[in-house]
Amino acid sequence: MQKYNLSLKQRQILEILSEVKTECSEPNWDGYDAAAIDDNSYKNAINFISLLPVYFPIPDIRVDPDGEVSFEWYEDKRNVFSVSV
């Protein structure tokens, strides 16, 4: 695994990602046949976190039913920025 020089905020986001990985590591983690978190998606999510500017707010992190990791930033109910890796 690559070594990164991460900011405090990036390390906080990485901790959230780690918690999400633990919660979604088994198939059917949601009770609706969702796939377990995909290892490649998890690794790509770590790389993505390392590229986030320090001024970005901490995102909501979720695992999609297909196992991909999603990052979401909400400005309000109608304005959402979402990235899936």
PDB file of N, CA and C in Angstrom:
ATOM      1  N   MET A   1       0.849  -1.176   0.000  1.00  0.00           N
ATOM      2  CA  MET A   1       0.000   0.000   0.000  1.00  0.00           C
ATOM      3  C   MET A   1       0.894   1.239   0.000  1.00  0.00           C
ATOM      4  N   GLN A   2       0.463   2.238  -0.718  1.00  0.00           N
ATOM      5  CA  GLN A   2       1.216   3.478  -0.787  1.00  0.00           C
ATOM      6  C   GLN A   2       1.172   4.202   0.550  1.00  0.00           C
ATOM      7  N   LYS A   3       2.212   4.976   0.808  1.00  0.00           N
ATOM      8  CA  LYS A   3       2.233   5.815   2.001  1.00  0.00           C
ATOM      9  C   LYS A   3       1.817   7.219   1.585  1.00  0.00           C
ATOM     10  N   TYR A   4       0.996   7.841   2.429  1.00  0.00           N
ATOM     11  CA  TYR A   4       0.496   9.169   2.139  1.00  0.00           C
ATOM     12  C   TYR A   4       0.842  10.096   3.287  1.00  0.00           C
ATOM     13  N   ASN A   5       1.054  11.353   2.960  1.00  0.00           N
ATOM     14  CA  ASN A   5       1.201  12.385   3.964  1.00  0.00           C
ATOM     15  C   ASN A   5      -0.163  13.073   4.071  1.00  0.00           C
ATOM     16  N   LEU A   6      -1.011  12.593   4.975  1.00  0.00           N
ATOM     17  CA  LEU A   6      -2.394  13.040   5.043  1.00  0.00           C
ATOM     18  C   LEU A   6      -2.582  14.131   6.083  1.00  0.00           C
ATOM     19  N   SER A   7      -3.496  15.039   5.789  1.00  0.00           N
ATOM     20  CA  SER A   7      -3.874  16.074   6.749  1.00  0.00           C
ATOM     21  C   SER A   7      -4.733  15.436   7.847  1.00  0.00           C
ATOM     22  N   LEU A   8      -4.965  16.177   8.897  1.00  0.00           N
ATOM     23  CA  LEU A   8      -5.828  15.704   9.983  1.00  0.00           C
ATOM     24  C   LEU A   8      -7.219  15.367   9.456  1.00  0.00           C
ATOM     25  N   LYS A   9      -7.771  16.237   8.610  1.00  0.00           N
ATOM     26  CA  LYS A   9      -9.106  15.998   8.064  1.00  0.00           C
ATOM     27  C   LYS A   9      -9.121  14.731   7.202  1.00  0.00           C
ATOM     28  N   GLN A  10      -8.096  14.536   6.397  1.00  0.00           N
ATOM     29  CA  GLN A  10      -8.037  13.333   5.564  1.00  0.00           C
ATOM     30  C   GLN A  10      -7.940  12.083   6.436  1.00  0.00           C
ATOM     31  N   ARG A  11      -7.196  12.165   7.535  1.00  0.00           N
ATOM     32  CA  ARG A  11      -7.114  11.012   8.451  1.00  0.00           C
ATOM     33  C   ARG A  11      -8.474  10.740   9.098  1.00  0.00           C
ATOM     34  N   GLN A  12      -9.228  11.805   9.408  1.00  0.00           N
ATOM     35  CA  GLN A  12     -10.573  11.618   9.965  1.00  0.00           C
ATOM     36  C   GLN A  12     -11.480  10.922   8.952  1.00  0.00           C
ATOM     37  N   ILE A  13     -11.389  11.338   7.700  1.00  0.00           N
ATOM     38  CA  ILE A  13     -12.197  10.713   6.647  1.00  0.00           C
ATOM     39  C   ILE A  13     -11.791   9.258   6.478  1.00  0.00           C
ATOM     40  N   LEU A  14     -10.497   8.978   6.552  1.00  0.00           N
ATOM     41  CA  LEU A  14     -10.009   7.602   6.436  1.00  0.00           C
ATOM     42  C   LEU A  14     -10.536   6.735   7.578  1.00  0.00           C
ATOM     43  N   GLU A  15     -10.644   7.301   8.775  1.00  0.00           N
ATOM     44  CA  GLU A  15     -11.214   6.567   9.912  1.00  0.00           C
ATOM     45  C   GLU A  15     -12.680   6.230   9.655  1.00  0.00           C
ATOM     46  N   ILE A  16     -13.421   7.180   9.113  1.00  0.00           N
ATOM     47  CA  ILE A  16     -14.831   6.934   8.777  1.00  0.00           C
ATOM     48  C   ILE A  16     -14.918   5.822   7.737  1.00  0.00           C
ATOM     49  N   LEU A  17     -14.074   5.890   6.717  1.00  0.00           N
ATOM     50  CA  LEU A  17     -14.056   4.850   5.687  1.00  0.00           C
ATOM     51  C   LEU A  17     -13.772   3.487   6.303  1.00  0.00           C
ATOM     52  N   SER A  18     -12.846   3.423   7.229  1.00  0.00           N
ATOM     53  CA  SER A  18     -12.518   2.161   7.886  1.00  0.00           C
ATOM     54  C   SER A  18     -13.718   1.598   8.651  1.00  0.00           C
ATOM     55  N   GLU A  19     -14.451   2.478   9.341  1.00  0.00           N
ATOM     56  CA  GLU A  19     -15.665   2.048  10.058  1.00  0.00           C
ATOM     57  C   GLU A  19     -16.714   1.526   9.081  1.00  0.00           C
ATOM     58  N   VAL A  20     -16.878   2.229   7.967  1.00  0.00           N
ATOM     59  CA  VAL A  20     -17.845   1.799   6.948  1.00  0.00           C
ATOM     60  C   VAL A  20     -17.435   0.443   6.380  1.00  0.00           C
ATOM     61  N   LYS A  21     -16.136   0.265   6.150  1.00  0.00           N
ATOM     62  CA  LYS A  21     -15.646  -1.023   5.620  1.00  0.00           C
ATOM     63  C   LYS A  21     -15.993  -2.158   6.580  1.00  0.00           C
ATOM     64  N   THR A  22     -15.793  -1.930   7.868  1.00  0.00           N
ATOM     65  CA  THR A  22     -16.100  -2.957   8.860  1.00  0.00           C
ATOM     66  C   THR A  22     -17.589  -3.299   8.836  1.00  0.00           C
ATOM     67  N   GLU A  23     -18.439  -2.283   8.752  1.00  0.00           N
ATOM     68  CA  GLU A  23     -19.889  -2.492   8.755  1.00  0.00           C
ATOM     69  C   GLU A  23     -20.381  -3.201   7.489  1.00  0.00           C
ATOM     70  N   CYS A  24     -19.666  -3.029   6.385  1.00  0.00           N
ATOM     71  CA  CYS A  24     -20.148  -3.531   5.091  1.00  0.00           C
ATOM     72  C   CYS A  24     -19.227  -4.590   4.499  1.00  0.00           C
ATOM     73  N   SER A  25     -18.518  -5.314   5.344  1.00  0.00           N
ATOM     74  CA  SER A  25     -17.528  -6.269   4.845  1.00  0.00           C
ATOM     75  C   SER A  25     -18.103  -7.636   4.473  1.00  0.00           C
ATOM     76  N   GLU A  26     -19.319  -7.904   4.861  1.00  0.00           N
ATOM     77  CA  GLU A  26     -19.947  -9.195   4.560  1.00  0.00           C
ATOM     78  C   GLU A  26     -21.079  -9.013   3.545  1.00  0.00           C
ATOM     79  N   PRO A  27     -21.263  -9.981   2.642  1.00  0.00           N
ATOM     80  CA  PRO A  27     -22.413  -9.904   1.737  1.00  0.00           C
ATOM     81  C   PRO A  27     -23.712  -9.815   2.546  1.00  0.00           C
ATOM     82  N   ASN A  28     -24.694  -9.127   1.981  1.00  0.00           N
ATOM     83  CA  ASN A  28     -26.001  -8.944   2.615  1.00  0.00           C
ATOM     84  C   ASN A  28     -25.924  -8.075   3.872  1.00  0.00           C
ATOM     85  N   TRP A  29     -24.950  -7.191   3.941  1.00  0.00           N
ATOM     86  CA  TRP A  29     -24.770  -6.335   5.116  1.00  0.00           C
ATOM     87  C   TRP A  29     -25.985  -5.445   5.379  1.00  0.00           C
ATOM     88  N   ASP A  30     -26.778  -5.189   4.342  1.00  0.00           N
ATOM     89  CA  ASP A  30     -27.947  -4.317   4.510  1.00  0.00           C
ATOM     90  C   ASP A  30     -29.261  -5.090   4.663  1.00  0.00           C
ATOM     91  N   GLY A  31     -29.197  -6.419   4.589  1.00  0.00           N
ATOM     92  CA  GLY A  31     -30.408  -7.230   4.676  1.00  0.00           C
ATOM     93  C   GLY A  31     -31.176  -7.321   3.370  1.00  0.00           C
ATOM     94  N   TYR A  32     -30.634  -6.727   2.305  1.00  0.00           N
ATOM     95  CA  TYR A  32     -31.281  -6.728   0.990  1.00  0.00           C
ATOM     96  C   TYR A  32     -30.331  -7.233  -0.101  1.00  0.00           C
ATOM     97  N   ASP A  33     -29.471  -8.163   0.249  1.00  0.00           N
ATOM     98  CA  ASP A  33     -28.536  -8.810  -0.680  1.00  0.00           C
ATOM     99  C   ASP A  33     -27.470  -7.881  -1.257  1.00  0.00           C
ATOM    100  N   ALA A  34     -27.097  -6.846  -0.539  1.00  0.00           N
ATOM    101  CA  ALA A  34     -26.021  -5.971  -1.007  1.00  0.00           C
ATOM    102  C   ALA A  34     -24.702  -6.731  -1.021  1.00  0.00           C
ATOM    103  N   ALA A  35     -23.853  -6.388  -1.978  1.00  0.00           N
ATOM    104  CA  ALA A  35     -22.520  -6.978  -2.057  1.00  0.00           C
ATOM    105  C   ALA A  35     -21.649  -6.395  -0.944  1.00  0.00           C
ATOM    106  N   ALA A  36     -20.696  -7.187  -0.498  1.00  0.00           N
ATOM    107  CA  ALA A  36     -19.700  -6.682   0.452  1.00  0.00           C
ATOM    108  C   ALA A  36     -18.885  -5.589  -0.230  1.00  0.00           C
ATOM    109  N   ILE A  37     -18.287  -4.734   0.558  1.00  0.00           N
ATOM    110  CA  ILE A  37     -17.460  -3.679   0.001  1.00  0.00           C
ATOM    111  C   ILE A  37     -16.379  -4.290  -0.888  1.00  0.00           C
ATOM    112  N   ASP A  38     -16.219  -3.729  -2.060  1.00  0.00           N
ATOM    113  CA  ASP A  38     -15.253  -4.221  -3.037  1.00  0.00           C
ATOM    114  C   ASP A  38     -13.850  -3.764  -2.636  1.00  0.00           C
ATOM    115  N   ASP A  39     -12.892  -4.704  -2.607  1.00  0.00           N
ATOM    116  CA  ASP A  39     -11.521  -4.366  -2.199  1.00  0.00           C
ATOM    117  C   ASP A  39     -10.895  -3.294  -3.086  1.00  0.00           C
ATOM    118  N   ASN A  40     -11.107  -3.387  -4.395  1.00  0.00           N
ATOM    119  CA  ASN A  40     -10.545  -2.377  -5.296  1.00  0.00           C
ATOM    120  C   ASN A  40     -11.199  -1.023  -5.074  1.00  0.00           C
ATOM    121  N   SER A  41     -12.488  -1.008  -4.828  1.00  0.00           N
ATOM    122  CA  SER A  41     -13.180   0.242  -4.550  1.00  0.00           C
ATOM    123  C   SER A  41     -12.652   0.857  -3.253  1.00  0.00           C
ATOM    124  N   TYR A  42     -12.412   0.022  -2.256  1.00  0.00           N
ATOM    125  CA  TYR A  42     -11.865   0.502  -0.985  1.00  0.00           C
ATOM    126  C   TYR A  42     -10.486   1.129  -1.190  1.00  0.00           C
ATOM    127  N   LYS A  43      -9.627   0.453  -1.939  1.00  0.00           N
ATOM    128  CA  LYS A  43      -8.279   0.983  -2.212  1.00  0.00           C
ATOM    129  C   LYS A  43      -8.362   2.286  -3.009  1.00  0.00           C
ATOM    130  N   ASN A  44      -9.266   2.338  -3.984  1.00  0.00           N
ATOM    131  CA  ASN A  44      -9.438   3.568  -4.756  1.00  0.00           C
ATOM    132  C   ASN A  44      -9.999   4.695  -3.886  1.00  0.00           C
ATOM    133  N   ALA A  45     -10.838   4.343  -2.918  1.00  0.00           N
ATOM    134  CA  ALA A  45     -11.385   5.347  -2.000  1.00  0.00           C
ATOM    135  C   ALA A  45     -10.266   5.957  -1.153  1.00  0.00           C
ATOM    136  N   ILE A  46      -9.328   5.135  -0.726  1.00  0.00           N
ATOM    137  CA  ILE A  46      -8.181   5.649   0.031  1.00  0.00           C
ATOM    138  C   ILE A  46      -7.384   6.620  -0.834  1.00  0.00           C
ATOM    139  N   ASN A  47      -7.142   6.249  -2.080  1.00  0.00           N
ATOM    140  CA  ASN A  47      -6.427   7.145  -2.999  1.00  0.00           C
ATOM    141  C   ASN A  47      -7.199   8.442  -3.197  1.00  0.00           C
ATOM    142  N   PHE A  48      -8.517   8.337  -3.352  1.00  0.00           N
ATOM    143  CA  PHE A  48      -9.359   9.519  -3.534  1.00  0.00           C
ATOM    144  C   PHE A  48      -9.250  10.450  -2.329  1.00  0.00           C
ATOM    145  N   ILE A  49      -9.302   9.887  -1.141  1.00  0.00           N
ATOM    146  CA  ILE A  49      -9.199  10.686   0.084  1.00  0.00           C
ATOM    147  C   ILE A  49      -7.882  11.451   0.109  1.00  0.00           C
ATOM    148  N   SER A  50      -6.814  10.807  -0.335  1.00  0.00           N
ATOM    149  CA  SER A  50      -5.502  11.469  -0.320  1.00  0.00           C
ATOM    150  C   SER A  50      -5.446  12.662  -1.268  1.00  0.00           C
ATOM    151  N   LEU A  51      -6.370  12.728  -2.228  1.00  0.00           N
ATOM    152  CA  LEU A  51      -6.390  13.807  -3.209  1.00  0.00           C
ATOM    153  C   LEU A  51      -7.338  14.950  -2.834  1.00  0.00           C
ATOM    154  N   LEU A  52      -8.137  14.747  -1.801  1.00  0.00           N
ATOM    155  CA  LEU A  52      -9.105  15.786  -1.416  1.00  0.00           C
ATOM    156  C   LEU A  52      -8.392  17.018  -0.861  1.00  0.00           C
ATOM    157  N   PRO A  53      -8.808  18.196  -1.298  1.00  0.00           N
ATOM    158  CA  PRO A  53      -8.240  19.424  -0.730  1.00  0.00           C
ATOM    159  C   PRO A  53      -8.616  19.545   0.750  1.00  0.00           C
ATOM    160  N   VAL A  54      -7.754  20.156   1.522  1.00  0.00           N
ATOM    161  CA  VAL A  54      -8.008  20.270   2.962  1.00  0.00           C
ATOM    162  C   VAL A  54      -9.232  21.126   3.274  1.00  0.00           C
ATOM    163  N   TYR A  55      -9.632  21.983   2.353  1.00  0.00           N
ATOM    164  CA  TYR A  55     -10.784  22.845   2.616  1.00  0.00           C
ATOM    165  C   TYR A  55     -12.122  22.148   2.339  1.00  0.00           C
ATOM    166  N   PHE A  56     -12.110  20.942   1.760  1.00  0.00           N
ATOM    167  CA  PHE A  56     -13.352  20.214   1.525  1.00  0.00           C
ATOM    168  C   PHE A  56     -13.930  19.771   2.862  1.00  0.00           C
ATOM    169  N   PRO A  57     -15.250  19.863   3.026  1.00  0.00           N
ATOM    170  CA  PRO A  57     -15.855  19.343   4.254  1.00  0.00           C
ATOM    171  C   PRO A  57     -15.800  17.809   4.271  1.00  0.00           C
ATOM    172  N   ILE A  58     -15.956  17.258   5.438  1.00  0.00           N
ATOM    173  CA  ILE A  58     -15.959  15.800   5.584  1.00  0.00           C
ATOM    174  C   ILE A  58     -17.236  15.263   4.941  1.00  0.00           C
ATOM    175  N   PRO A  59     -17.100  14.274   4.043  1.00  0.00           N
ATOM    176  CA  PRO A  59     -18.277  13.747   3.349  1.00  0.00           C
ATOM    177  C   PRO A  59     -18.988  12.664   4.158  1.00  0.00           C
ATOM    178  N   ASP A  60     -20.221  12.382   3.752  1.00  0.00           N
ATOM    179  CA  ASP A  60     -20.876  11.155   4.188  1.00  0.00           C
ATOM    180  C   ASP A  60     -20.292  10.054   3.312  1.00  0.00           C
ATOM    181  N   ILE A  61     -19.958   8.937   3.917  1.00  0.00           N
ATOM    182  CA  ILE A  61     -19.388   7.824   3.162  1.00  0.00           C
ATOM    183  C   ILE A  61     -20.321   6.642   3.302  1.00  0.00           C
ATOM    184  N   ARG A  62     -20.636   6.036   2.166  1.00  0.00           N
ATOM    185  CA  ARG A  62     -21.542   4.889   2.132  1.00  0.00           C
ATOM    186  C   ARG A  62     -20.978   3.835   1.190  1.00  0.00           C
ATOM    187  N   VAL A  63     -21.499   2.634   1.338  1.00  0.00           N
ATOM    188  CA  VAL A  63     -21.208   1.585   0.370  1.00  0.00           C
ATOM    189  C   VAL A  63     -22.497   1.343  -0.402  1.00  0.00           C
ATOM    190  N   ASP A  64     -22.394   1.399  -1.715  1.00  0.00           N
ATOM    191  CA  ASP A  64     -23.544   1.148  -2.576  1.00  0.00           C
ATOM    192  C   ASP A  64     -23.863  -0.348  -2.577  1.00  0.00           C
ATOM    193  N   PRO A  65     -25.068  -0.729  -2.953  1.00  0.00           N
ATOM    194  CA  PRO A  65     -25.433  -2.147  -2.978  1.00  0.00           C
ATOM    195  C   PRO A  65     -24.531  -3.010  -3.874  1.00  0.00           C
ATOM    196  N   ASP A  66     -23.854  -2.386  -4.845  1.00  0.00           N
ATOM    197  CA  ASP A  66     -22.942  -3.157  -5.701  1.00  0.00           C
ATOM    198  C   ASP A  66     -21.530  -3.257  -5.129  1.00  0.00           C
ATOM    199  N   GLY A  67     -21.298  -2.702  -3.935  1.00  0.00           N
ATOM    200  CA  GLY A  67     -20.004  -2.808  -3.266  1.00  0.00           C
ATOM    201  C   GLY A  67     -19.086  -1.623  -3.473  1.00  0.00           C
ATOM    202  N   GLU A  68     -19.489  -0.655  -4.289  1.00  0.00           N
ATOM    203  CA  GLU A  68     -18.653   0.525  -4.506  1.00  0.00           C
ATOM    204  C   GLU A  68     -18.806   1.518  -3.352  1.00  0.00           C
ATOM    205  N   VAL A  69     -17.753   2.295  -3.135  1.00  0.00           N
ATOM    206  CA  VAL A  69     -17.762   3.308  -2.085  1.00  0.00           C
ATOM    207  C   VAL A  69     -18.256   4.628  -2.675  1.00  0.00           C
ATOM    208  N   SER A  70     -19.145   5.302  -1.954  1.00  0.00           N
ATOM    209  CA  SER A  70     -19.675   6.605  -2.383  1.00  0.00           C
ATOM    210  C   SER A  70     -19.363   7.664  -1.342  1.00  0.00           C
ATOM    211  N   PHE A  71     -18.966   8.818  -1.835  1.00  0.00           N
ATOM    212  CA  PHE A  71     -18.735   9.999  -1.017  1.00  0.00           C
ATOM    213  C   PHE A  71     -19.806  11.014  -1.386  1.00  0.00           C
ATOM    214  N   GLU A  72     -20.451  11.614  -0.384  1.00  0.00           N
ATOM    215  CA  GLU A  72     -21.504  12.588  -0.659  1.00  0.00           C
ATOM    216  C   GLU A  72     -21.327  13.813   0.221  1.00  0.00           C
ATOM    217  N   TRP A  73     -21.470  14.974  -0.431  1.00  0.00           N
ATOM    218  CA  TRP A  73     -21.442  16.254   0.260  1.00  0.00           C
ATOM    219  C   TRP A  73     -22.784  16.926   0.021  1.00  0.00           C
ATOM    220  N   TYR A  74     -23.438  17.344   1.095  1.00  0.00           N
ATOM    221  CA  TYR A  74     -24.750  17.979   1.011  1.00  0.00           C
ATOM    222  C   TYR A  74     -24.647  19.461   1.330  1.00  0.00           C
ATOM    223  N   GLU A  75     -25.114  20.292   0.404  1.00  0.00           N
ATOM    224  CA  GLU A  75     -25.234  21.716   0.692  1.00  0.00           C
ATOM    225  C   GLU A  75     -26.606  21.967   1.310  1.00  0.00           C
ATOM    226  N   ASP A  76     -27.613  21.321   0.756  1.00  0.00           N
ATOM    227  CA  ASP A  76     -28.976  21.332   1.275  1.00  0.00           C
ATOM    228  C   ASP A  76     -29.687  20.150   0.614  1.00  0.00           C
ATOM    229  N   LYS A  77     -31.009  20.034   0.815  1.00  0.00           N
ATOM    230  CA  LYS A  77     -31.756  18.886   0.272  1.00  0.00           C
ATOM    231  C   LYS A  77     -31.647  18.750  -1.235  1.00  0.00           C
ATOM    232  N   ARG A  78     -31.516  19.857  -1.918  1.00  0.00           N
ATOM    233  CA  ARG A  78     -31.545  19.837  -3.384  1.00  0.00           C
ATOM    234  C   ARG A  78     -30.167  19.873  -4.027  1.00  0.00           C
ATOM    235  N   ASN A  79     -29.132  20.123  -3.247  1.00  0.00           N
ATOM    236  CA  ASN A  79     -27.789  20.253  -3.801  1.00  0.00           C
ATOM    237  C   ASN A  79     -26.847  19.247  -3.136  1.00  0.00           C
ATOM    238  N   VAL A  80     -26.522  18.203  -3.908  1.00  0.00           N
ATOM    239  CA  VAL A  80     -25.664  17.141  -3.416  1.00  0.00           C
ATOM    240  C   VAL A  80     -24.574  16.899  -4.440  1.00  0.00           C
ATOM    241  N   PHE A  81     -23.354  16.758  -3.942  1.00  0.00           N
ATOM    242  CA  PHE A  81     -22.240  16.368  -4.800  1.00  0.00           C
ATOM    243  C   PHE A  81     -21.867  14.952  -4.391  1.00  0.00           C
ATOM    244  N   SER A  82     -21.859  14.028  -5.343  1.00  0.00           N
ATOM    245  CA  SER A  82     -21.635  12.616  -5.051  1.00  0.00           C
ATOM    246  C   SER A  82     -20.578  12.042  -5.986  1.00  0.00           C
ATOM    247  N   VAL A  83     -19.685  11.240  -5.397  1.00  0.00           N
ATOM    248  CA  VAL A  83     -18.647  10.551  -6.164  1.00  0.00           C
ATOM    249  C   VAL A  83     -18.640   9.093  -5.741  1.00  0.00           C
ATOM    250  N   SER A  84     -18.699   8.187  -6.703  1.00  0.00           N
ATOM    251  CA  SER A  84     -18.578   6.757  -6.413  1.00  0.00           C
ATOM    252  C   SER A  84     -17.272   6.250  -6.992  1.00  0.00           C
ATOM    253  N   VAL A  85     -16.582   5.433  -6.206  1.00  0.00           N
ATOM    254  CA  VAL A  85     -15.331   4.838  -6.682  1.00  0.00           C
ATOM    255  C   VAL A  85     -15.402   3.335  -6.540  1.00  0.00           C
TER     256      VAL A  85
END
